């Protein structure tokens, strides 16, 4: 991977080692498959056992994949995972959770803390280890996962406060990290709209009728811009939020 412009294959990921958190989910899995198709080897993590179908798809593309479960909330667990995986050229910090408790529900405080620990603490724990190593090597890419909810407070009437707040924090983290990473490490963010994953299983498709592209996004439609931000073709993009939401939020 080279941060310099003028390359003949600007979207080729051949030879890159890319870390993806939340790899068992819809967007994480689609991103892993696409990056493998573009030539990258993958270092993957999520909760639980390795997703066999995902690892098989990566192998079928002729690429290598390492998988290990990791509790992204734990500073020590993330440190051990990063040490075991070795050098990383790009990191897609995609792991995130959503819960729908309202402010008045019992246990809201615990749910709030859990969402912040995963959605905000998780990328913080990884950047703590990844960013200095990339800076030392003189190159790297980090892609954070934001949300349209950070802009709008949530697309659907039941969108929870704590999820929107956590993603708002990630959008703020982008600016902090991008200034400290450049010029060696380019940090950017993709902010999806409602996407066909487990997170929006409870959402009513009718709510999308007012959106200019009136449907849910597909996981691969989020993976494409993520892979782009990992590629040499994004060599002059730093601290950017790439909104991928079908027009649900237009600046």
Foldseek 3Di string as FASTA:
>chain_A
DDLDPDDPCFLALAPFEEEEEPCVWFLNLLLLLVNLLSHYAYEYEYPDDDDVVSQVSSVVSVHHYHYDYFDLLDLVRLVVSDVVVPAHAEYELEDFDADQDEPPDPPVVVVLVVRLSRLPVRVVSNCVPHQVVQVVVQAHEYEYEAACCCVVVALDPRGYNSNNVSRVVVLVVQVVVLVVRPDRYAYEYEHEYAAPIPRCPVPDLVSQPVAQQSGHHYSNLSSVVVSSRSTSVVSPHHSYYHYHYSRSDDD
